[in-house]
Amino acid sequence: MIGDNVFKMKFEPNVPRAKILKEEFIFHKDEISFFMMIFLPKRSTYHKNGLRQDAERGILIFRKQNYVFFLHTHIKPRMFSNDLPDFTEDEKLLQLKESLIELKDRIKFHI
């Protein structure tokens, strides 16, 4: 699938033990995009007790005219509050998808 090719080129050589958690096509506003949720061990921008945390990222790939665009975002961990449980996998997936679709909808393309 598309995700395997992107993943092998971008992540596999640079991030040992990285993996694709989910990949799917998304249909939104009469357009098709490709979505991936990936796991990147010790690649978060967040640190806890001096240690870099694992990252879960969402990637959205789509075309506009003759251009291919690649957007990505990450899950903000709940590490600052011990009262809240961590997100479930479904919550993470929904958060990433919604965030990327919102971002794509806000971009003004002048091509």
PDB file of N, CA and C in Angstrom:
ATOM      1  N   MET A   1       0.845  -1.183   0.000  1.00  0.00           N
ATOM      2  CA  MET A   1       0.000   0.000   0.000  1.00  0.00           C
ATOM      3  C   MET A   1       0.891   1.248   0.000  1.00  0.00           C
ATOM      4  N   ILE A   2       0.301   2.399  -0.196  1.00  0.00           N
ATOM      5  CA  ILE A   2       1.039   3.666  -0.254  1.00  0.00           C
ATOM      6  C   ILE A   2       1.874   3.872   1.003  1.00  0.00           C
ATOM      7  N   GLY A   3       1.271   3.566   2.150  1.00  0.00           N
ATOM      8  CA  GLY A   3       1.951   3.781   3.419  1.00  0.00           C
ATOM      9  C   GLY A   3       3.275   3.049   3.529  1.00  0.00           C
ATOM     10  N   ASP A   4       3.318   1.841   3.009  1.00  0.00           N
ATOM     11  CA  ASP A   4       4.567   1.076   3.065  1.00  0.00           C
ATOM     12  C   ASP A   4       5.686   1.788   2.330  1.00  0.00           C
ATOM     13  N   ASN A   5       5.398   2.340   1.154  1.00  0.00           N
ATOM     14  CA  ASN A   5       6.423   3.038   0.379  1.00  0.00           C
ATOM     15  C   ASN A   5       6.905   4.297   1.086  1.00  0.00           C
ATOM     16  N   VAL A   6       5.976   5.107   1.562  1.00  0.00           N
ATOM     17  CA  VAL A   6       6.341   6.334   2.285  1.00  0.00           C
ATOM     18  C   VAL A   6       7.125   5.974   3.536  1.00  0.00           C
ATOM     19  N   PHE A   7       6.618   4.995   4.251  1.00  0.00           N
ATOM     20  CA  PHE A   7       7.238   4.588   5.510  1.00  0.00           C
ATOM     21  C   PHE A   7       8.665   4.093   5.289  1.00  0.00           C
ATOM     22  N   LYS A   8       8.867   3.248   4.282  1.00  0.00           N
ATOM     23  CA  LYS A   8      10.196   2.686   4.026  1.00  0.00           C
ATOM     24  C   LYS A   8      11.193   3.760   3.610  1.00  0.00           C
ATOM     25  N   MET A   9      10.738   4.749   2.866  1.00  0.00           N
ATOM     26  CA  MET A   9      11.646   5.821   2.430  1.00  0.00           C
ATOM     27  C   MET A   9      11.963   6.795   3.562  1.00  0.00           C
ATOM     28  N   LYS A  10      10.953   7.203   4.314  1.00  0.00           N
ATOM     29  CA  LYS A  10      11.114   8.289   5.281  1.00  0.00           C
ATOM     30  C   LYS A  10      11.513   7.829   6.677  1.00  0.00           C
ATOM     31  N   PHE A  11      10.894   6.766   7.190  1.00  0.00           N
ATOM     32  CA  PHE A  11      11.049   6.433   8.595  1.00  0.00           C
ATOM     33  C   PHE A  11      11.917   5.216   8.884  1.00  0.00           C
ATOM     34  N   GLU A  12      11.717   4.149   8.142  1.00  0.00           N
ATOM     35  CA  GLU A  12      12.418   2.901   8.434  1.00  0.00           C
ATOM     36  C   GLU A  12      13.935   3.069   8.549  1.00  0.00           C
ATOM     37  N   PRO A  13      14.599   3.769   7.619  1.00  0.00           N
ATOM     38  CA  PRO A  13      16.058   3.880   7.720  1.00  0.00           C
ATOM     39  C   PRO A  13      16.539   4.712   8.912  1.00  0.00           C
ATOM     40  N   ASN A  14      15.694   5.611   9.402  1.00  0.00           N
ATOM     41  CA  ASN A  14      16.124   6.559  10.432  1.00  0.00           C
ATOM     42  C   ASN A  14      15.623   6.258  11.839  1.00  0.00           C
ATOM     43  N   VAL A  15      14.575   5.450  11.952  1.00  0.00           N
ATOM     44  CA  VAL A  15      13.952   5.219  13.257  1.00  0.00           C
ATOM     45  C   VAL A  15      13.763   3.723  13.484  1.00  0.00           C
ATOM     46  N   PRO A  16      14.710   3.089  14.152  1.00  0.00           N
ATOM     47  CA  PRO A  16      14.555   1.651  14.434  1.00  0.00           C
ATOM     48  C   PRO A  16      13.281   1.384  15.244  1.00  0.00           C
ATOM     49  N   ARG A  17      12.609   0.298  14.939  1.00  0.00           N
ATOM     50  CA  ARG A  17      11.375  -0.158  15.620  1.00  0.00           C
ATOM     51  C   ARG A  17      10.158   0.715  15.341  1.00  0.00           C
ATOM     52  N   ALA A  18      10.252   1.642  14.392  1.00  0.00           N
ATOM     53  CA  ALA A  18       9.069   2.416  13.995  1.00  0.00           C
ATOM     54  C   ALA A  18       8.108   1.492  13.263  1.00  0.00           C
ATOM     55  N   LYS A  19       6.813   1.792  13.343  1.00  0.00           N
ATOM     56  CA  LYS A  19       5.849   0.933  12.654  1.00  0.00           C
ATOM     57  C   LYS A  19       4.579   1.709  12.306  1.00  0.00           C
ATOM     58  N   ILE A  20       3.883   1.203  11.303  1.00  0.00           N
ATOM     59  CA  ILE A  20       2.591   1.749  10.907  1.00  0.00           C
ATOM     60  C   ILE A  20       1.530   1.116  11.798  1.00  0.00           C
ATOM     61  N   LEU A  21       0.725   1.952  12.454  1.00  0.00           N
ATOM     62  CA  LEU A  21      -0.348   1.450  13.307  1.00  0.00           C
ATOM     63  C   LEU A  21      -1.674   1.343  12.557  1.00  0.00           C
ATOM     64  N   LYS A  22      -1.899   2.258  11.621  1.00  0.00           N
ATOM     65  CA  LYS A  22      -3.164   2.279  10.876  1.00  0.00           C
ATOM     66  C   LYS A  22      -2.934   3.029   9.574  1.00  0.00           C
ATOM     67  N   GLU A  23      -3.584   2.590   8.519  1.00  0.00           N
ATOM     68  CA  GLU A  23      -3.552   3.321   7.254  1.00  0.00           C
ATOM     69  C   GLU A  23      -4.891   3.135   6.560  1.00  0.00           C
ATOM     70  N   GLU A  24      -5.361   4.217   5.952  1.00  0.00           N
ATOM     71  CA  GLU A  24      -6.659   4.156   5.284  1.00  0.00           C
ATOM     72  C   GLU A  24      -6.824   5.355   4.353  1.00  0.00           C
ATOM     73  N   PHE A  25      -7.744   5.211   3.418  1.00  0.00           N
ATOM     74  CA  PHE A  25      -8.129   6.326   2.562  1.00  0.00           C
ATOM     75  C   PHE A  25      -9.270   7.063   3.243  1.00  0.00           C
ATOM     76  N   ILE A  26      -9.234   8.391   3.144  1.00  0.00           N
ATOM     77  CA  ILE A  26     -10.273   9.237   3.724  1.00  0.00           C
ATOM     78  C   ILE A  26     -10.929  10.017   2.591  1.00  0.00           C
ATOM     79  N   PHE A  27     -12.247   9.981   2.558  1.00  0.00           N
ATOM     80  CA  PHE A  27     -13.008  10.762   1.591  1.00  0.00           C
ATOM     81  C   PHE A  27     -13.638  11.927   2.337  1.00  0.00           C
ATOM     82  N   HIS A  28     -13.283  13.165   1.927  1.00  0.00           N
ATOM     83  CA  HIS A  28     -13.760  14.361   2.615  1.00  0.00           C
ATOM     84  C   HIS A  28     -13.940  15.467   1.581  1.00  0.00           C
ATOM     85  N   LYS A  29     -15.119  16.032   1.544  1.00  0.00           N
ATOM     86  CA  LYS A  29     -15.428  17.121   0.603  1.00  0.00           C
ATOM     87  C   LYS A  29     -15.086  16.753  -0.835  1.00  0.00           C
ATOM     88  N   ASP A  30     -15.522  15.599  -1.264  1.00  0.00           N
ATOM     89  CA  ASP A  30     -15.305  15.117  -2.640  1.00  0.00           C
ATOM     90  C   ASP A  30     -13.832  14.964  -3.008  1.00  0.00           C
ATOM     91  N   GLU A  31     -12.975  14.817  -2.031  1.00  0.00           N
ATOM     92  CA  GLU A  31     -11.545  14.587  -2.286  1.00  0.00           C
ATOM     93  C   GLU A  31     -11.112  13.336  -1.535  1.00  0.00           C
ATOM     94  N   ILE A  32     -10.087  12.708  -2.057  1.00  0.00           N
ATOM     95  CA  ILE A  32      -9.542  11.519  -1.396  1.00  0.00           C
ATOM     96  C   ILE A  32      -8.139  11.855  -0.878  1.00  0.00           C
ATOM     97  N   SER A  33      -7.879  11.407   0.336  1.00  0.00           N
ATOM     98  CA  SER A  33      -6.558  11.571   0.964  1.00  0.00           C
ATOM     99  C   SER A  33      -6.148  10.217   1.528  1.00  0.00           C
ATOM    100  N   PHE A  34      -4.863  10.062   1.746  1.00  0.00           N
ATOM    101  CA  PHE A  34      -4.354   8.848   2.366  1.00  0.00           C
ATOM    102  C   PHE A  34      -3.860   9.211   3.762  1.00  0.00           C
ATOM    103  N   PHE A  35      -4.338   8.473   4.770  1.00  0.00           N
ATOM    104  CA  PHE A  35      -3.989   8.735   6.174  1.00  0.00           C
ATOM    105  C   PHE A  35      -3.193   7.569   6.742  1.00  0.00           C
ATOM    106  N   MET A  36      -2.181   7.902   7.527  1.00  0.00           N
ATOM    107  CA  MET A  36      -1.414   6.893   8.264  1.00  0.00           C
ATOM    108  C   MET A  36      -1.243   7.353   9.705  1.00  0.00           C
ATOM    109  N   MET A  37      -1.308   6.414  10.631  1.00  0.00           N
ATOM    110  CA  MET A  37      -0.926   6.651  12.020  1.00  0.00           C
ATOM    111  C   MET A  37       0.307   5.796  12.257  1.00  0.00           C
ATOM    112  N   ILE A  38       1.386   6.432  12.686  1.00  0.00           N
ATOM    113  CA  ILE A  38       2.640   5.697  12.867  1.00  0.00           C
ATOM    114  C   ILE A  38       3.157   5.844  14.297  1.00  0.00           C
ATOM    115  N   PHE A  39       3.933   4.877  14.714  1.00  0.00           N
ATOM    116  CA  PHE A  39       4.567   4.862  16.030  1.00  0.00           C
ATOM    117  C   PHE A  39       6.068   5.052  15.837  1.00  0.00           C
ATOM    118  N   LEU A  40       6.616   6.054  16.529  1.00  0.00           N
ATOM    119  CA  LEU A  40       8.049   6.352  16.452  1.00  0.00           C
ATOM    120  C   LEU A  40       8.630   6.320  17.867  1.00  0.00           C
ATOM    121  N   PRO A  41       9.322   5.240  18.225  1.00  0.00           N
ATOM    122  CA  PRO A  41       9.850   5.143  19.584  1.00  0.00           C
ATOM    123  C   PRO A  41      10.901   6.216  19.876  1.00  0.00           C
ATOM    124  N   LYS A  42      10.734   6.860  21.017  1.00  0.00           N
ATOM    125  CA  LYS A  42      11.686   7.873  21.521  1.00  0.00           C
ATOM    126  C   LYS A  42      11.883   9.021  20.538  1.00  0.00           C
ATOM    127  N   ARG A  43      10.833   9.409  19.794  1.00  0.00           N
ATOM    128  CA  ARG A  43      10.953  10.493  18.810  1.00  0.00           C
ATOM    129  C   ARG A  43       9.998  11.657  19.083  1.00  0.00           C
ATOM    130  N   SER A  44       9.418  11.689  20.265  1.00  0.00           N
ATOM    131  CA  SER A  44       8.526  12.792  20.599  1.00  0.00           C
ATOM    132  C   SER A  44       9.334  14.059  20.872  1.00  0.00           C
ATOM    133  N   THR A  45       8.681  15.206  20.713  1.00  0.00           N
ATOM    134  CA  THR A  45       9.319  16.463  21.110  1.00  0.00           C
ATOM    135  C   THR A  45       9.151  16.677  22.612  1.00  0.00           C
ATOM    136  N   TYR A  46       8.373  15.812  23.275  1.00  0.00           N
ATOM    137  CA  TYR A  46       8.136  15.908  24.712  1.00  0.00           C
ATOM    138  C   TYR A  46       9.126  15.034  25.475  1.00  0.00           C
ATOM    139  N   HIS A  47       9.575  15.566  26.615  1.00  0.00           N
ATOM    140  CA  HIS A  47      10.480  14.829  27.494  1.00  0.00           C
ATOM    141  C   HIS A  47       9.807  14.660  28.850  1.00  0.00           C
ATOM    142  N   LYS A  48      10.062  13.534  29.487  1.00  0.00           N
ATOM    143  CA  LYS A  48       9.568  13.280  30.834  1.00  0.00           C
ATOM    144  C   LYS A  48      10.732  12.728  31.641  1.00  0.00           C
ATOM    145  N   ASN A  49      11.035  13.380  32.735  1.00  0.00           N
ATOM    146  CA  ASN A  49      12.188  13.003  33.571  1.00  0.00           C
ATOM    147  C   ASN A  49      13.469  12.952  32.748  1.00  0.00           C
ATOM    148  N   GLY A  50      13.602  13.886  31.808  1.00  0.00           N
ATOM    149  CA  GLY A  50      14.806  13.962  30.993  1.00  0.00           C
ATOM    150  C   GLY A  50      14.868  12.977  29.839  1.00  0.00           C
ATOM    151  N   LEU A  51      13.844  12.154  29.677  1.00  0.00           N
ATOM    152  CA  LEU A  51      13.843  11.154  28.606  1.00  0.00           C
ATOM    153  C   LEU A  51      12.825  11.523  27.530  1.00  0.00           C
ATOM    154  N   ARG A  52      13.255  11.409  26.291  1.00  0.00           N
ATOM    155  CA  ARG A  52      12.348  11.665  25.166  1.00  0.00           C
ATOM    156  C   ARG A  52      11.293  10.564  25.129  1.00  0.00           C
ATOM    157  N   GLN A  53      10.037  10.957  24.940  1.00  0.00           N
ATOM    158  CA  GLN A  53       8.920  10.019  24.937  1.00  0.00           C
ATOM    159  C   GLN A  53       8.679   9.444  23.541  1.00  0.00           C
ATOM    160  N   ASP A  54       7.916   8.351  23.490  1.00  0.00           N
ATOM    161  CA  ASP A  54       7.514   7.777  22.204  1.00  0.00           C
ATOM    162  C   ASP A  54       6.542   8.736  21.518  1.00  0.00           C
ATOM    163  N   ALA A  55       6.507   8.703  20.204  1.00  0.00           N
ATOM    164  CA  ALA A  55       5.615   9.581  19.446  1.00  0.00           C
ATOM    165  C   ALA A  55       4.653   8.760  18.603  1.00  0.00           C
ATOM    166  N   GLU A  56       3.440   9.232  18.533  1.00  0.00           N
ATOM    167  CA  GLU A  56       2.461   8.693  17.601  1.00  0.00           C
ATOM    168  C   GLU A  56       2.056   9.853  16.708  1.00  0.00           C
ATOM    169  N   ARG A  57       2.274   9.675  15.420  1.00  0.00           N
ATOM    170  CA  ARG A  57       2.051  10.750  14.455  1.00  0.00           C
ATOM    171  C   ARG A  57       0.995  10.348  13.446  1.00  0.00           C
ATOM    172  N   GLY A  58       0.282  11.343  12.994  1.00  0.00           N
ATOM    173  CA  GLY A  58      -0.655  11.170  11.902  1.00  0.00           C
ATOM    174  C   GLY A  58      -0.075  11.841  10.673  1.00  0.00           C
ATOM    175  N   ILE A  59      -0.232  11.210   9.529  1.00  0.00           N
ATOM    176  CA  ILE A  59       0.264  11.739   8.260  1.00  0.00           C
ATOM    177  C   ILE A  59      -0.891  11.725   7.269  1.00  0.00           C
ATOM    178  N   LEU A  60      -1.073  12.829   6.560  1.00  0.00           N
ATOM    179  CA  LEU A  60      -2.107  12.934   5.539  1.00  0.00           C
ATOM    180  C   LEU A  60      -1.437  13.300   4.222  1.00  0.00           C
ATOM    181  N   ILE A  61      -1.671  12.486   3.204  1.00  0.00           N
ATOM    182  CA  ILE A  61      -1.082  12.707   1.876  1.00  0.00           C
ATOM    183  C   ILE A  61      -2.236  12.919   0.898  1.00  0.00           C
ATOM    184  N   PHE A  62      -2.137  13.994   0.112  1.00  0.00           N
ATOM    185  CA  PHE A  62      -3.212  14.286  -0.838  1.00  0.00           C
ATOM    186  C   PHE A  62      -2.663  15.080  -2.023  1.00  0.00           C
ATOM    187  N   ARG A  63      -3.461  15.109  -3.087  1.00  0.00           N
ATOM    188  CA  ARG A  63      -3.091  15.830  -4.307  1.00  0.00           C
ATOM    189  C   ARG A  63      -3.977  17.038  -4.508  1.00  0.00           C
ATOM    190  N   LYS A  64      -3.375  18.081  -5.004  1.00  0.00           N
ATOM    191  CA  LYS A  64      -4.090  19.262  -5.503  1.00  0.00           C
ATOM    192  C   LYS A  64      -3.460  19.570  -6.841  1.00  0.00           C
ATOM    193  N   GLN A  65      -4.245  19.473  -7.883  1.00  0.00           N
ATOM    194  CA  GLN A  65      -3.772  19.628  -9.255  1.00  0.00           C
ATOM    195  C   GLN A  65      -2.600  18.669  -9.481  1.00  0.00           C
ATOM    196  N   ASN A  66      -1.440  19.174  -9.842  1.00  0.00           N
ATOM    197  CA  ASN A  66      -0.299  18.288 -10.116  1.00  0.00           C
ATOM    198  C   ASN A  66       0.694  18.229  -8.957  1.00  0.00           C
ATOM    199  N   TYR A  67       0.275  18.605  -7.762  1.00  0.00           N
ATOM    200  CA  TYR A  67       1.157  18.629  -6.602  1.00  0.00           C
ATOM    201  C   TYR A  67       0.690  17.612  -5.561  1.00  0.00           C
ATOM    202  N   VAL A  68       1.640  17.020  -4.862  1.00  0.00           N
ATOM    203  CA  VAL A  68       1.338  16.113  -3.760  1.00  0.00           C
ATOM    204  C   VAL A  68       1.757  16.810  -2.468  1.00  0.00           C
ATOM    205  N   PHE A  69       0.857  16.802  -1.491  1.00  0.00           N
ATOM    206  CA  PHE A  69       1.118  17.446  -0.207  1.00  0.00           C
ATOM    207  C   PHE A  69       1.167  16.390   0.892  1.00  0.00           C
ATOM    208  N   PHE A  70       1.982  16.673   1.887  1.00  0.00           N
ATOM    209  CA  PHE A  70       2.272  15.742   2.966  1.00  0.00           C
ATOM    210  C   PHE A  70       2.157  16.542   4.266  1.00  0.00           C
ATOM    211  N   LEU A  71       1.076  16.339   5.029  1.00  0.00           N
ATOM    212  CA  LEU A  71       0.889  17.027   6.307  1.00  0.00           C
ATOM    213  C   LEU A  71       1.081  16.017   7.433  1.00  0.00           C
ATOM    214  N   HIS A  72       1.574  16.487   8.557  1.00  0.00           N
ATOM    215  CA  HIS A  72       1.677  15.578   9.703  1.00  0.00           C
ATOM    216  C   HIS A  72       1.495  16.329  11.005  1.00  0.00           C
ATOM    217  N   THR A  73       1.069  15.602  12.016  1.00  0.00           N
ATOM    218  CA  THR A  73       0.894  16.144  13.350  1.00  0.00           C
ATOM    219  C   THR A  73       1.130  15.016  14.354  1.00  0.00           C
ATOM    220  N   HIS A  74       1.136  15.363  15.631  1.00  0.00           N
ATOM    221  CA  HIS A  74       1.378  14.340  16.652  1.00  0.00           C
ATOM    222  C   HIS A  74       0.343  14.445  17.768  1.00  0.00           C
ATOM    223  N   ILE A  75       0.298  13.416  18.570  1.00  0.00           N
ATOM    224  CA  ILE A  75      -0.564  13.386  19.752  1.00  0.00           C
ATOM    225  C   ILE A  75       0.169  14.117  20.871  1.00  0.00           C
ATOM    226  N   LYS A  76      -0.504  15.053  21.486  1.00  0.00           N
ATOM    227  CA  LYS A  76       0.063  15.712  22.664  1.00  0.00           C
ATOM    228  C   LYS A  76      -0.197  14.801  23.868  1.00  0.00           C
ATOM    229  N   PRO A  77       0.849  14.296  24.495  1.00  0.00           N
ATOM    230  CA  PRO A  77       0.631  13.335  25.588  1.00  0.00           C
ATOM    231  C   PRO A  77       0.010  13.985  26.821  1.00  0.00           C
ATOM    232  N   ARG A  78      -0.694  13.185  27.592  1.00  0.00           N
ATOM    233  CA  ARG A  78      -1.280  13.647  28.858  1.00  0.00           C
ATOM    234  C   ARG A  78      -0.289  13.385  29.989  1.00  0.00           C
ATOM    235  N   MET A  79       0.886  13.908  29.871  1.00  0.00           N
ATOM    236  CA  MET A  79       1.909  13.591  30.872  1.00  0.00           C
ATOM    237  C   MET A  79       1.990  14.634  31.976  1.00  0.00           C
ATOM    238  N   PHE A  80       1.216  15.703  31.848  1.00  0.00           N
ATOM    239  CA  PHE A  80       1.298  16.759  32.847  1.00  0.00           C
ATOM    240  C   PHE A  80       0.214  16.642  33.909  1.00  0.00           C
ATOM    241  N   SER A  81      -0.658  15.662  33.767  1.00  0.00           N
ATOM    242  CA  SER A  81      -1.715  15.453  34.743  1.00  0.00           C
ATOM    243  C   SER A  81      -1.811  13.969  35.051  1.00  0.00           C
ATOM    244  N   ASN A  82      -1.553  13.623  36.281  1.00  0.00           N
ATOM    245  CA  ASN A  82      -1.648  12.215  36.693  1.00  0.00           C
ATOM    246  C   ASN A  82      -3.092  11.778  36.878  1.00  0.00           C
ATOM    247  N   ASP A  83      -4.039  12.745  36.886  1.00  0.00           N
ATOM    248  CA  ASP A  83      -5.447  12.423  37.097  1.00  0.00           C
ATOM    249  C   ASP A  83      -6.118  11.857  35.857  1.00  0.00           C
ATOM    250  N   LEU A  84      -5.569  12.149  34.678  1.00  0.00           N
ATOM    251  CA  LEU A  84      -6.205  11.732  33.429  1.00  0.00           C
ATOM    252  C   LEU A  84      -5.577  10.447  32.893  1.00  0.00           C
ATOM    253  N   PRO A  85      -6.412   9.495  32.473  1.00  0.00           N
ATOM    254  CA  PRO A  85      -5.842   8.292  31.844  1.00  0.00           C
ATOM    255  C   PRO A  85      -5.310   8.641  30.453  1.00  0.00           C
ATOM    256  N   ASP A  86      -4.417   7.832  29.941  1.00  0.00           N
ATOM    257  CA  ASP A  86      -3.903   8.045  28.593  1.00  0.00           C
ATOM    258  C   ASP A  86      -5.046   7.858  27.600  1.00  0.00           C
ATOM    259  N   PHE A  87      -4.898   8.432  26.409  1.00  0.00           N
ATOM    260  CA  PHE A  87      -5.909   8.270  25.362  1.00  0.00           C
ATOM    261  C   PHE A  87      -5.980   6.804  24.926  1.00  0.00           C
ATOM    262  N   THR A  88      -7.166   6.358  24.529  1.00  0.00           N
ATOM    263  CA  THR A  88      -7.294   5.035  23.927  1.00  0.00           C
ATOM    264  C   THR A  88      -6.785   5.124  22.487  1.00  0.00           C
ATOM    265  N   GLU A  89      -6.556   3.987  21.854  1.00  0.00           N
ATOM    266  CA  GLU A  89      -6.107   3.976  20.459  1.00  0.00           C
ATOM    267  C   GLU A  89      -7.139   4.635  19.541  1.00  0.00           C
ATOM    268  N   ASP A  90      -8.423   4.385  19.805  1.00  0.00           N
ATOM    269  CA  ASP A  90      -9.475   5.001  18.987  1.00  0.00           C
ATOM    270  C   ASP A  90      -9.503   6.516  19.164  1.00  0.00           C
ATOM    271  N   GLU A  91      -9.299   6.998  20.386  1.00  0.00           N
ATOM    272  CA  GLU A  91      -9.258   8.443  20.633  1.00  0.00           C
ATOM    273  C   GLU A  91      -8.061   9.082  19.928  1.00  0.00           C
ATOM    274  N   LYS A  92      -6.927   8.415  19.971  1.00  0.00           N
ATOM    275  CA  LYS A  92      -5.737   8.933  19.288  1.00  0.00           C
ATOM    276  C   LYS A  92      -5.963   9.007  17.784  1.00  0.00           C
ATOM    277  N   LEU A  93      -6.517   7.951  17.229  1.00  0.00           N
ATOM    278  CA  LEU A  93      -6.783   7.893  15.797  1.00  0.00           C
ATOM    279  C   LEU A  93      -7.729   9.020  15.380  1.00  0.00           C
ATOM    280  N   LEU A  94      -8.810   9.199  16.116  1.00  0.00           N
ATOM    281  CA  LEU A  94      -9.778  10.245  15.813  1.00  0.00           C
ATOM    282  C   LEU A  94      -9.150  11.634  15.954  1.00  0.00           C
ATOM    283  N   GLN A  95      -8.371  11.847  17.000  1.00  0.00           N
ATOM    284  CA  GLN A  95      -7.713  13.136  17.223  1.00  0.00           C
ATOM    285  C   GLN A  95      -6.776  13.478  16.062  1.00  0.00           C
ATOM    286  N   LEU A  96      -5.985  12.520  15.620  1.00  0.00           N
ATOM    287  CA  LEU A  96      -5.052  12.761  14.516  1.00  0.00           C
ATOM    288  C   LEU A  96      -5.788  13.058  13.220  1.00  0.00           C
ATOM    289  N   LYS A  97      -6.786  12.244  12.890  1.00  0.00           N
ATOM    290  CA  LYS A  97      -7.548  12.446  11.650  1.00  0.00           C
ATOM    291  C   LYS A  97      -8.224  13.813  11.637  1.00  0.00           C
ATOM    292  N   GLU A  98      -8.917  14.139  12.714  1.00  0.00           N
ATOM    293  CA  GLU A  98      -9.640  15.414  12.775  1.00  0.00           C
ATOM    294  C   GLU A  98      -8.684  16.602  12.688  1.00  0.00           C
ATOM    295  N   SER A  99      -7.574  16.505  13.372  1.00  0.00           N
ATOM    296  CA  SER A  99      -6.588  17.578  13.354  1.00  0.00           C
ATOM    297  C   SER A  99      -6.040  17.809  11.951  1.00  0.00           C
ATOM    298  N   LEU A 100      -5.713  16.738  11.251  1.00  0.00           N
ATOM    299  CA  LEU A 100      -5.156  16.859   9.903  1.00  0.00           C
ATOM    300  C   LEU A 100      -6.192  17.334   8.888  1.00  0.00           C
ATOM    301  N   ILE A 101      -7.419  16.860   9.002  1.00  0.00           N
ATOM    302  CA  ILE A 101      -8.468  17.312   8.088  1.00  0.00           C
ATOM    303  C   ILE A 101      -8.760  18.796   8.311  1.00  0.00           C
ATOM    304  N   GLU A 102      -8.801  19.231   9.576  1.00  0.00           N
ATOM    305  CA  GLU A 102      -8.995  20.658   9.874  1.00  0.00           C
ATOM    306  C   GLU A 102      -7.867  21.497   9.288  1.00  0.00           C
ATOM    307  N   LEU A 103      -6.643  21.032   9.450  1.00  0.00           N
ATOM    308  CA  LEU A 103      -5.493  21.756   8.908  1.00  0.00           C
ATOM    309  C   LEU A 103      -5.595  21.857   7.391  1.00  0.00           C
ATOM    310  N   LYS A 104      -5.905  20.750   6.746  1.00  0.00           N
ATOM    311  CA  LYS A 104      -6.026  20.752   5.290  1.00  0.00           C
ATOM    312  C   LYS A 104      -7.117  21.723   4.844  1.00  0.00           C
ATOM    313  N   ASP A 105      -8.248  21.751   5.561  1.00  0.00           N
ATOM    314  CA  ASP A 105      -9.353  22.641   5.202  1.00  0.00           C
ATOM    315  C   ASP A 105      -9.003  24.122   5.386  1.00  0.00           C
ATOM    316  N   ARG A 106      -8.081  24.437   6.295  1.00  0.00           N
ATOM    317  CA  ARG A 106      -7.700  25.838   6.555  1.00  0.00           C
ATOM    318  C   ARG A 106      -6.643  26.355   5.574  1.00  0.00           C
ATOM    319  N   ILE A 107      -5.946  25.467   4.895  1.00  0.00           N
ATOM    320  CA  ILE A 107      -4.890  25.904   3.980  1.00  0.00           C
ATOM    321  C   ILE A 107      -5.507  26.511   2.724  1.00  0.00           C
ATOM    322  N   LYS A 108      -4.993  27.650   2.322  1.00  0.00           N
ATOM    323  CA  LYS A 108      -5.395  28.285   1.057  1.00  0.00           C
ATOM    324  C   LYS A 108      -4.340  27.917   0.004  1.00  0.00           C
ATOM    325  N   PHE A 109      -4.754  27.182  -0.980  1.00  0.00           N
ATOM    326  CA  PHE A 109      -3.842  26.743  -2.031  1.00  0.00           C
ATOM    327  C   PHE A 109      -3.911  27.724  -3.189  1.00  0.00           C
ATOM    328  N   HIS A 110      -2.787  28.281  -3.565  1.00  0.00           N
ATOM    329  CA  HIS A 110      -2.702  29.205  -4.704  1.00  0.00           C
ATOM    330  C   HIS A 110      -1.804  28.566  -5.769  1.00  0.00           C
ATOM    331  N   ILE A 111      -2.350  27.580  -6.441  1.00  0.00           N
ATOM    332  CA  ILE A 111      -1.559  26.866  -7.452  1.00  0.00           C
ATOM    333  C   ILE A 111      -2.260  26.892  -8.790  1.00  0.00           C
TER     334      ILE A 111
END
